[in-house]
Amino acid sequence: MKHRTVGHAHHQPAPEAAAVDAGYGNKGWIVAFSGLGLNLALGVLYSWSVFAKQMTEAIDLGGWGLTKTEASLPYMLAIGVFALMMVPAGRLQDRLGPRVAATAGAVLTGAGMVVSSFAGPGNMLPVLLGFGLMAGSGFGLGYAAATPAAIKWFPSEKKGLITGIVVSGFGLAPLYIAPLGKHLLDAYGVGGAFRILGVAFTVVTLLLARMIVNPPLAVAAVAVGGIAPASQIPAQGSTRGASQSSSQGSVWREMIASRAFTLLYIEYTFAALAGLMIIGHLARIIAVQTGGLVQTGFMFVASMAVFNAAGRLLAGLLSDKFGRIRTLAVVLLSQACVMLVFPGLDGMAGFFVGSGVVGFSYGACLALFPATVADFWGAKNFGLNYGILFTAWGVGGMFGPLLAGRIADATGSYQLAYYIAAGLLVGAAALTTVTKRPPLSAGG
C-alpha cells in the first residue's frame, strides 16, 4: 500500500515516513517503554484487593476491622477520580506536553500513598484522601500522558500494538506489587506498606516521566495524518489537506455527539464494571468461596496481572489485523462466559483459569478502546478525546466493586454479582454489532 507524506511529497522521498517506521532512531521505542514503566508503578490500583483483604481482618490480627464495602471505598474513589482526571489530564498533555502531566502524576501518586500510611482503625480519612483523591488524580495524569505520546511516534498501522505495549504496564503491575505488598503488609502493617511503596514509586516514576515526550512536528505529522490508507487521504495530497482530514473528526464536541461514542461509552462501562468487580475483590472472593482454605489470594492477583497484560498486548496486535470492534465482541463474550462459571469455582486450578480469563478479557478492553478512539477520531486530540471516553471506565469501576461488596455483605456470596455482570457483558457484545466508524473520521 502506498502512503503519502506530509509536505511537498513530489520533492522528497518520504524521510519522515521512514523515521516513523523506525521509531525515529529508536526514540519512539524509548518513549513507549518509558510509558510502560510508568504504568507499572501506577498499576498499584489493581493490587488493591491485597490491601483491602488485610483491612477487613480483625484489629488484633493486624487489620482494621472493616466490612467488604468499607474496604472498597478508597478503591472506588480512586477509580472515580482517575476517570474524571483523565479529561483535564488529556487536555493538559495535549497543550503542555506529556512530560508535565507524567511528572505531576508521579508526584501525586507517591505523595498519596504516603498520606494513606497515616490511616488506621477508625480513621479512614487519610486513605480516602491519599489513595482515593491524590493517588487517583496521579493515576489519571500519568496514564493520560503515556499512551498519546507513544502512538504519535508510530504509523497508524501500529496503533494497536503500541497502545497494547504501553497500557500493559498498568495490567502487569500486580505481578510484582501483589506479592511485594503482601510481604510489606506482613512485615510493616498497612501503614508501613503504603509509606514504603509511596517513596519508592515517587523516585522511579519521576525518572521515567522525563523520558515521555512528543516527537518532532515532522514525525508527528506523518504518524497522525500522513501515513494512512489511500481512501482516507484528500485528493490534493497537500499538507493542509492531510492535517484537516486527521483533525476534523477529533474535536471532542463532534465526538460526543456521534452515535459511535454513545455505544462505545456503554460498552466500556459494562466491561469495566465486570472486570474491576473481580479485580477489586479477588483476594476476598477466593477466601470466601474456599471457606478460608485458600489464603494466598495475592498469588492469583499477581497471576491475573500476567493475563491482564497479555490481553492488552495480544488484543492490540490482533485488532490491527482483524478490526477493533470484532476483537472487542469476542473478548466481551469470553468474559461473560467465565462470569457464569465463577460461582462454582472453589479450588486453586479453577480460580487460576477463571481469574486468567477475566484478566485477559479486561486487559484487552483497555487496549481496544483507546485504539478505537484513535481510529475513529484521529490522534491529534487523542488525549482529551480518550479522556472523555475513559470516564465510562470510572462509572463501571465505581459501581462494580460497590455492587459486589454490597451483595457479598448482604448474602455472604458473590453469586448474584457474577450473573449481573455476565448479563451486562452480553449486552455490550450485542451493541458492538451496530458500532460503526463515524463518517467524519474518513475526512468527511
Protein backbone atom coordinates (compact mmCIF):
# COMPACT_ATOMS: atom_id res chain seq x y z
CA MET A 1 0.00 0.00 0.00
CA LYS A 2 1.31 3.40 -0.97
CA HIS A 3 1.38 6.18 1.62
CA ARG A 4 1.56 9.90 1.15
CA THR A 5 3.94 12.04 3.12
CA VAL A 6 3.20 15.38 4.68
CA GLY A 7 4.60 18.40 2.91
CA HIS A 8 5.90 18.64 -0.66
CA ALA A 9 5.69 14.97 -1.45
CA HIS A 10 6.79 15.43 -5.07
CA HIS A 11 10.12 16.90 -3.96
CA GLN A 12 11.05 14.50 -1.13
CA PRO A 13 11.19 10.66 -0.94
CA ALA A 14 9.45 10.49 2.48
CA PRO A 15 12.23 10.65 5.08
CA GLU A 16 9.70 11.37 7.82
CA ALA A 17 7.78 8.20 6.99
CA ALA A 18 10.96 6.14 7.20
CA ALA A 19 11.82 7.81 10.50
CA VAL A 20 8.41 7.00 11.95
CA ASP A 21 8.64 3.36 10.89
CA ALA A 22 11.97 3.13 12.68
CA GLY A 23 10.64 4.88 15.77
CA TYR A 24 12.71 7.98 14.82
CA GLY A 25 16.05 6.40 15.65
CA ASN A 26 14.54 4.19 18.36
CA LYS A 27 13.43 7.24 20.34
CA GLY A 28 9.83 6.19 19.84
CA TRP A 29 10.52 2.84 21.47
CA ILE A 30 12.19 4.57 24.43
CA VAL A 31 9.05 6.67 24.89
CA ALA A 32 6.79 3.62 24.57
CA PHE A 33 8.72 1.54 27.11
CA SER A 34 9.06 4.50 29.48
CA GLY A 35 5.27 4.74 29.36
CA LEU A 36 5.08 1.04 30.10
CA GLY A 37 7.38 1.54 33.09
CA LEU A 38 5.31 4.46 34.39
CA ASN A 39 2.17 2.34 34.18
CA LEU A 40 3.93 -0.49 36.01
CA ALA A 41 4.06 1.82 39.04
CA LEU A 42 0.62 3.38 38.61
CA GLY A 43 -0.89 -0.11 38.42
CA VAL A 44 -0.81 -0.35 42.21
CA LEU A 45 -4.53 0.37 41.79
CA TYR A 46 -5.05 -3.19 40.55
CA SER A 47 -3.45 -4.65 43.68
CA TRP A 48 -5.97 -3.01 45.98
CA SER A 49 -7.67 -6.30 46.87
CA VAL A 50 -4.48 -7.37 48.70
CA PHE A 51 -4.67 -4.27 50.91
CA ALA A 52 -8.45 -4.49 51.22
CA LYS A 53 -8.28 -8.08 52.45
CA GLN A 54 -5.89 -7.03 55.23
CA MET A 55 -8.16 -4.13 56.16
CA THR A 56 -11.11 -6.49 56.66
CA GLU A 57 -9.17 -8.60 59.15
CA ALA A 58 -9.79 -8.13 62.87
CA ILE A 59 -7.75 -5.43 64.62
CA ASP A 60 -5.98 -7.99 66.80
CA LEU A 61 -4.83 -9.72 63.59
CA GLY A 62 -3.29 -6.55 62.16
CA GLY A 63 -6.38 -5.46 60.25
CA TRP A 64 -8.76 -2.55 60.58
CA GLY A 65 -11.98 -4.50 61.14
CA LEU A 66 -13.69 -3.04 58.07
CA THR A 67 -16.58 -4.55 56.12
CA LYS A 68 -16.01 -5.52 52.48
CA THR A 69 -17.94 -2.45 51.36
CA GLU A 70 -15.92 -0.10 53.59
CA ALA A 71 -12.63 -1.57 52.38
CA SER A 72 -13.75 -0.90 48.78
CA LEU A 73 -14.37 2.83 49.33
CA PRO A 74 -10.78 4.11 48.75
CA TYR A 75 -10.52 1.91 45.63
CA MET A 76 -13.84 3.14 44.28
CA LEU A 77 -12.93 6.76 44.98
CA ALA A 78 -9.55 6.31 43.26
CA ILE A 79 -11.26 4.85 40.19
CA GLY A 80 -13.77 7.70 40.02
CA VAL A 81 -11.12 10.40 40.45
CA PHE A 82 -8.82 8.58 38.00
CA ALA A 83 -11.54 8.61 35.34
CA LEU A 84 -12.57 12.22 35.93
CA MET A 85 -8.95 13.40 35.95
CA MET A 86 -8.38 11.86 32.51
CA VAL A 87 -10.33 14.72 30.91
CA PRO A 88 -8.26 17.67 32.25
CA ALA A 89 -5.15 15.46 32.12
CA GLY A 90 -5.76 14.76 28.45
CA ARG A 91 -6.13 18.45 27.73
CA LEU A 92 -3.02 19.21 29.82
CA GLN A 93 -0.82 16.76 27.94
CA ASP A 94 -2.23 17.90 24.58
CA ARG A 95 -1.32 21.52 25.40
CA LEU A 96 1.77 21.41 27.64
CA GLY A 97 3.21 18.05 26.67
CA PRO A 98 3.19 14.60 28.24
CA ARG A 99 6.27 15.16 30.42
CA VAL A 100 4.45 17.77 32.51
CA ALA A 101 1.40 15.55 33.01
CA ALA A 102 3.51 12.46 33.76
CA THR A 103 5.62 14.33 36.33
CA ALA A 104 2.55 15.69 38.10
CA GLY A 105 1.07 12.18 38.14
CA ALA A 106 4.25 10.73 39.64
CA VAL A 107 4.31 13.25 42.47
CA LEU A 108 0.62 12.91 43.32
CA THR A 109 0.68 9.11 43.29
CA GLY A 110 3.71 8.83 45.56
CA ALA A 111 2.53 11.53 47.93
CA GLY A 112 -0.94 9.99 48.07
CA MET A 113 0.47 6.63 49.11
CA VAL A 114 2.47 8.30 51.90
CA VAL A 115 -0.59 10.21 53.13
CA SER A 116 -2.52 6.91 53.16
CA SER A 117 0.01 5.48 55.59
CA PHE A 118 -1.41 7.69 58.38
CA ALA A 119 -4.80 5.95 58.29
CA GLY A 120 -5.81 3.24 60.72
CA PRO A 121 -8.74 1.57 62.52
CA GLY A 122 -11.48 4.15 62.97
CA ASN A 123 -9.63 6.73 60.84
CA MET A 124 -10.25 6.18 57.12
CA LEU A 125 -9.84 9.84 56.13
CA PRO A 126 -6.10 9.70 55.27
CA VAL A 127 -6.51 6.72 52.95
CA LEU A 128 -9.59 8.24 51.31
CA LEU A 129 -7.70 11.48 50.78
CA GLY A 130 -4.34 9.90 49.95
CA PHE A 131 -5.20 6.84 47.86
CA GLY A 132 -8.65 7.86 46.71
CA LEU A 133 -8.16 11.54 45.86
CA MET A 134 -4.41 12.16 45.48
CA ALA A 135 -3.24 8.84 44.03
CA GLY A 136 -6.42 8.65 41.94
CA SER A 137 -5.52 12.02 40.41
CA GLY A 138 -1.96 10.82 39.87
CA PHE A 139 -3.16 7.70 38.08
CA GLY A 140 -5.18 9.85 35.67
CA LEU A 141 -2.37 12.32 34.96
CA GLY A 142 0.24 9.63 34.36
CA TYR A 143 -2.00 7.32 32.36
CA ALA A 144 -3.20 10.19 30.17
CA ALA A 145 0.37 11.12 29.28
CA ALA A 146 1.86 7.74 28.40
CA THR A 147 -0.26 6.39 25.54
CA PRO A 148 -0.82 9.57 23.45
CA ALA A 149 2.90 10.38 23.49
CA ALA A 150 3.85 6.87 22.38
CA ILE A 151 1.40 6.47 19.49
CA LYS A 152 2.46 9.82 18.00
CA TRP A 153 5.87 8.30 17.24
CA PHE A 154 4.50 5.47 15.09
CA PRO A 155 2.39 4.99 11.94
CA SER A 156 -1.33 4.27 12.13
CA GLU A 157 -0.99 0.56 11.38
CA LYS A 158 0.93 0.12 14.65
CA LYS A 159 -1.55 1.94 16.92
CA GLY A 160 -2.92 -1.28 18.41
CA LEU A 161 0.49 -2.77 19.11
CA ILE A 162 1.96 0.40 20.66
CA THR A 163 -1.16 1.04 22.74
CA GLY A 164 -1.02 -2.55 23.96
CA ILE A 165 2.63 -2.25 24.96
CA VAL A 166 2.13 0.97 26.93
CA VAL A 167 -1.07 0.03 28.76
CA SER A 168 0.17 -3.49 29.50
CA GLY A 169 2.28 -1.96 32.28
CA PHE A 170 -0.82 -1.00 34.22
CA GLY A 171 -2.20 -4.51 33.96
CA LEU A 172 1.12 -6.22 34.66
CA ALA A 173 1.82 -4.19 37.81
CA PRO A 174 0.12 -6.58 40.28
CA LEU A 175 2.57 -9.29 39.21
CA TYR A 176 5.15 -7.69 41.47
CA ILE A 177 3.05 -5.32 43.59
CA ALA A 178 0.75 -8.05 44.94
CA PRO A 179 3.50 -10.27 46.43
CA LEU A 180 5.56 -7.23 47.40
CA GLY A 181 2.54 -5.66 49.06
CA LYS A 182 1.76 -8.88 50.91
CA HIS A 183 5.34 -9.03 52.20
CA LEU A 184 5.25 -5.40 53.30
CA LEU A 185 1.86 -5.86 54.96
CA ASP A 186 3.14 -8.84 56.92
CA ALA A 187 6.37 -7.08 57.91
CA TYR A 188 5.28 -3.46 58.45
CA GLY A 189 1.49 -3.40 58.55
CA VAL A 190 -0.84 -1.43 56.30
CA GLY A 191 0.65 1.97 57.14
CA GLY A 192 4.24 0.87 56.61
CA ALA A 193 3.40 -0.81 53.31
CA PHE A 194 1.79 2.37 51.97
CA ARG A 195 4.71 4.52 53.10
CA ILE A 196 7.44 2.36 51.57
CA LEU A 197 5.61 1.97 48.27
CA GLY A 198 4.89 5.70 48.11
CA VAL A 199 8.55 6.71 48.46
CA ALA A 200 9.76 4.06 46.01
CA PHE A 201 7.16 4.92 43.38
CA THR A 202 7.95 8.64 43.57
CA VAL A 203 11.62 8.11 42.79
CA VAL A 204 11.08 5.65 39.95
CA THR A 205 8.20 7.45 38.25
CA LEU A 206 9.91 10.85 38.30
CA LEU A 207 12.84 9.34 36.39
CA LEU A 208 10.55 7.68 33.83
CA ALA A 209 8.43 10.80 33.36
CA ARG A 210 11.43 12.65 31.97
CA MET A 211 11.56 10.23 29.01
CA ILE A 212 7.91 10.64 27.98
CA VAL A 213 7.92 13.31 25.26
CA ASN A 214 6.16 14.08 21.99
CA PRO A 215 8.03 13.57 18.69
CA PRO A 216 9.30 16.40 16.46
CA LEU A 217 6.49 18.02 14.49
CA ALA A 218 7.51 16.46 11.17
CA VAL A 219 7.40 12.94 12.59
CA ALA A 220 4.16 13.60 14.46
CA ALA A 221 2.53 14.90 11.28
CA VAL A 222 3.37 11.68 9.47
CA ALA A 223 2.19 9.46 12.30
CA VAL A 224 -1.06 11.38 12.82
CA GLY A 225 -2.17 12.16 9.32
CA GLY A 226 0.46 11.47 6.69
CA ILE A 227 0.52 7.69 6.87
CA ALA A 228 -2.99 6.47 6.24
CA PRO A 229 -4.94 4.27 3.85
CA ALA A 230 -5.25 5.89 0.44
CA SER A 231 -9.02 6.10 0.86
CA GLN A 232 -8.54 8.46 3.82
CA ILE A 233 -6.14 10.87 2.09
CA PRO A 234 -7.56 14.00 0.38
CA ALA A 235 -7.17 14.05 -3.39
CA GLN A 236 -4.94 17.13 -3.24
CA GLY A 237 -2.39 15.32 -1.04
CA SER A 238 -1.28 18.63 0.46
CA THR A 239 -0.06 19.25 3.98
CA ARG A 240 -3.12 21.34 4.70
CA GLY A 241 -5.50 18.68 3.41
CA ALA A 242 -3.89 15.87 5.37
CA SER A 243 -3.86 17.90 8.55
CA GLN A 244 -7.50 18.85 8.23
CA SER A 245 -8.51 15.30 7.44
CA SER A 246 -6.88 13.94 10.57
CA SER A 247 -8.13 16.63 12.90
CA GLN A 248 -11.70 17.33 11.74
CA GLY A 249 -13.18 14.31 13.46
CA SER A 250 -11.06 14.73 16.58
CA VAL A 251 -12.94 17.72 18.02
CA TRP A 252 -14.44 16.48 21.29
CA ARG A 253 -17.82 18.15 20.75
CA GLU A 254 -18.30 16.32 17.47
CA MET A 255 -17.12 13.07 19.04
CA ILE A 256 -19.61 13.07 21.93
CA ALA A 257 -22.46 13.96 19.55
CA SER A 258 -21.86 10.83 17.49
CA ARG A 259 -23.76 7.57 17.83
CA ALA A 260 -20.49 5.64 17.88
CA PHE A 261 -19.36 7.46 21.03
CA THR A 262 -22.59 6.65 22.88
CA LEU A 263 -22.31 2.96 22.02
CA LEU A 264 -18.61 2.79 22.96
CA TYR A 265 -19.40 4.54 26.26
CA ILE A 266 -21.99 1.94 27.21
CA GLU A 267 -19.73 -0.94 26.15
CA TYR A 268 -16.79 0.46 28.13
CA THR A 269 -18.94 0.99 31.24
CA PHE A 270 -20.20 -2.59 31.26
CA ALA A 271 -16.75 -4.07 30.53
CA ALA A 272 -15.13 -2.05 33.31
CA LEU A 273 -17.87 -2.91 35.81
CA ALA A 274 -17.36 -6.65 35.32
CA GLY A 275 -13.58 -6.56 35.24
CA LEU A 276 -12.98 -4.25 38.18
CA MET A 277 -15.58 -6.03 40.27
CA ILE A 278 -13.39 -9.14 40.17
CA ILE A 279 -10.04 -7.33 40.35
CA GLY A 280 -11.10 -5.27 43.35
CA HIS A 281 -12.40 -8.27 45.32
CA LEU A 282 -10.36 -11.21 44.03
CA ALA A 283 -8.36 -11.94 47.18
CA ARG A 284 -11.53 -11.82 49.28
CA ILE A 285 -13.56 -13.79 46.71
CA ILE A 286 -11.09 -16.66 46.93
CA ALA A 287 -11.15 -16.63 50.73
CA VAL A 288 -14.98 -16.66 50.76
CA GLN A 289 -15.52 -19.32 48.09
CA THR A 290 -12.91 -21.70 49.53
CA GLY A 291 -14.21 -21.29 53.06
CA GLY A 292 -10.92 -19.73 54.08
CA LEU A 293 -8.93 -22.78 52.99
CA VAL A 294 -7.00 -20.80 50.39
CA GLN A 295 -5.35 -17.72 51.93
CA THR A 296 -2.97 -16.99 49.06
CA GLY A 297 -5.29 -14.73 47.09
CA PHE A 298 -2.40 -12.36 46.44
CA MET A 299 -0.87 -15.04 44.20
CA PHE A 300 -3.97 -15.03 42.00
CA VAL A 301 -3.94 -11.22 41.89
CA ALA A 302 -0.39 -11.49 40.57
CA SER A 303 -1.18 -14.25 38.07
CA MET A 304 -4.20 -12.30 36.82
CA ALA A 305 -1.81 -9.44 36.08
CA VAL A 306 0.05 -11.61 33.56
CA PHE A 307 -3.18 -12.38 31.71
CA ASN A 308 -4.26 -8.74 32.00
CA ALA A 309 -1.05 -7.58 30.32
CA ALA A 310 -1.20 -10.38 27.74
CA GLY A 311 -4.74 -9.33 26.85
CA ARG A 312 -3.62 -5.76 26.22
CA LEU A 313 -0.71 -6.82 24.03
CA LEU A 314 -2.42 -9.59 22.08
CA ALA A 315 -5.73 -7.77 21.58
CA GLY A 316 -3.90 -4.68 20.36
CA LEU A 317 -1.91 -6.75 17.89
CA LEU A 318 -4.88 -8.83 16.68
CA SER A 319 -7.12 -5.80 16.33
CA ASP A 320 -4.58 -4.25 13.95
CA LYS A 321 -5.28 -7.24 11.68
CA PHE A 322 -8.91 -8.19 12.32
CA GLY A 323 -10.50 -4.93 13.45
CA ARG A 324 -11.11 -3.32 16.84
CA ILE A 325 -14.86 -3.89 17.13
CA ARG A 326 -14.76 -7.53 16.04
CA THR A 327 -12.00 -8.25 18.55
CA LEU A 328 -13.91 -6.38 21.27
CA ALA A 329 -17.02 -8.50 20.74
CA VAL A 330 -15.02 -11.70 21.20
CA VAL A 331 -13.39 -10.63 24.47
CA LEU A 332 -16.69 -9.35 25.92
CA LEU A 333 -18.38 -12.68 25.25
CA SER A 334 -15.46 -14.66 26.67
CA GLN A 335 -15.64 -12.66 29.90
CA ALA A 336 -19.41 -13.15 30.09
CA CYS A 337 -18.97 -16.92 29.82
CA VAL A 338 -16.43 -17.10 32.64
CA MET A 339 -18.68 -14.97 34.88
CA LEU A 340 -21.33 -17.67 34.61
CA VAL A 341 -18.97 -20.36 35.92
CA PHE A 342 -17.33 -18.22 38.63
CA PRO A 343 -19.90 -19.18 41.33
CA GLY A 344 -18.78 -22.81 41.08
CA LEU A 345 -15.08 -22.14 41.48
CA ASP A 346 -13.67 -23.40 44.78
CA GLY A 347 -10.16 -24.67 44.07
CA MET A 348 -6.82 -23.25 43.05
CA ALA A 349 -6.90 -24.60 39.48
CA GLY A 350 -10.38 -23.22 38.83
CA PHE A 351 -9.52 -19.79 40.20
CA PHE A 352 -6.32 -19.71 38.17
CA VAL A 353 -8.20 -20.30 34.92
CA GLY A 354 -11.19 -18.13 35.83
CA SER A 355 -9.20 -15.15 37.01
CA GLY A 356 -6.92 -15.57 33.99
CA VAL A 357 -9.80 -15.27 31.51
CA VAL A 358 -11.22 -12.26 33.37
CA GLY A 359 -7.82 -10.60 33.44
CA PHE A 360 -7.15 -11.28 29.75
CA SER A 361 -10.56 -10.03 28.61
CA TYR A 362 -10.50 -6.96 30.80
CA GLY A 363 -6.94 -6.11 29.73
CA ALA A 364 -7.91 -6.49 26.08
CA CYS A 365 -10.59 -3.83 26.52
CA LEU A 366 -8.02 -1.39 27.92
CA ALA A 367 -6.09 -1.66 24.65
CA LEU A 368 -9.04 -1.83 22.27
CA PHE A 369 -10.96 1.25 23.41
CA PRO A 370 -8.09 3.76 23.14
CA ALA A 371 -7.02 2.33 19.78
CA THR A 372 -10.63 2.63 18.59
CA VAL A 373 -10.77 6.28 19.65
CA ALA A 374 -7.58 6.96 17.68
CA ASP A 375 -9.07 5.17 14.65
CA PHE A 376 -12.46 6.87 14.79
CA TRP A 377 -11.44 10.42 15.74
CA GLY A 378 -7.73 10.75 14.97
CA ALA A 379 -4.62 11.14 17.11
CA LYS A 380 -4.30 14.92 17.14
CA ASN A 381 -6.53 15.45 20.20
CA PHE A 382 -6.41 11.85 21.36
CA GLY A 383 -5.52 12.77 24.95
CA LEU A 384 -8.69 14.76 25.56
CA ASN A 385 -10.93 12.56 23.43
CA TYR A 386 -9.92 9.32 25.12
CA GLY A 387 -10.05 11.05 28.49
CA ILE A 388 -13.73 11.78 27.91
CA LEU A 389 -14.50 8.19 26.90
CA PHE A 390 -12.43 6.93 29.82
CA THR A 391 -14.97 8.36 32.26
CA ALA A 392 -17.05 5.31 31.28
CA TRP A 393 -14.35 3.16 32.87
CA GLY A 394 -14.76 5.23 36.03
CA VAL A 395 -18.53 4.77 36.09
CA GLY A 396 -18.22 1.00 35.71
CA GLY A 397 -15.30 0.84 38.11
CA MET A 398 -17.16 2.63 40.86
CA PHE A 399 -20.37 0.63 40.59
CA GLY A 400 -18.77 -2.79 40.03
CA PRO A 401 -16.82 -3.08 43.32
CA LEU A 402 -19.67 -1.42 45.24
CA LEU A 403 -22.21 -3.82 43.77
CA ALA A 404 -20.06 -6.86 44.59
CA GLY A 405 -19.29 -5.64 48.10
CA ARG A 406 -22.92 -4.94 49.00
CA ILE A 407 -24.14 -8.25 47.60
CA ALA A 408 -21.42 -10.18 49.45
CA ASP A 409 -22.10 -8.34 52.73
CA ALA A 410 -25.85 -8.98 52.40
CA THR A 411 -25.81 -12.60 51.18
CA GLY A 412 -22.39 -13.95 52.09
CA SER A 413 -21.84 -14.80 48.42
CA TYR A 414 -20.80 -13.04 45.21
CA GLN A 415 -23.05 -15.20 43.00
CA LEU A 416 -25.68 -12.60 42.11
CA ALA A 417 -22.97 -10.09 41.24
CA TYR A 418 -21.45 -12.55 38.75
CA TYR A 419 -24.76 -13.08 36.99
CA ILE A 420 -25.49 -9.36 36.75
CA ALA A 421 -22.02 -8.74 35.27
CA ALA A 422 -22.49 -11.57 32.76
CA GLY A 423 -25.75 -10.04 31.55
CA LEU A 424 -24.18 -6.63 31.10
CA LEU A 425 -21.26 -8.12 29.14
CA VAL A 426 -23.60 -9.93 26.77
CA GLY A 427 -25.47 -6.66 26.26
CA ALA A 428 -22.22 -4.84 25.50
CA ALA A 429 -21.23 -7.53 22.99
CA ALA A 430 -24.60 -7.14 21.25
CA LEU A 431 -24.03 -3.39 20.93
CA THR A 432 -20.76 -3.95 19.06
CA THR A 433 -22.78 -5.26 16.11
CA VAL A 434 -24.11 -1.74 15.48
CA THR A 435 -20.97 0.20 16.42
CA LYS A 436 -19.55 1.74 13.24
CA ARG A 437 -16.80 4.24 12.40
CA PRO A 438 -18.28 7.76 12.14
CA PRO A 439 -18.25 9.09 8.56
CA LEU A 440 -16.44 12.25 9.76
CA SER A 441 -13.33 10.22 10.63
CA ALA A 442 -12.85 9.42 6.96
CA GLY A 443 -12.30 13.04 6.17
CA GLY A 444 -15.96 13.96 5.79
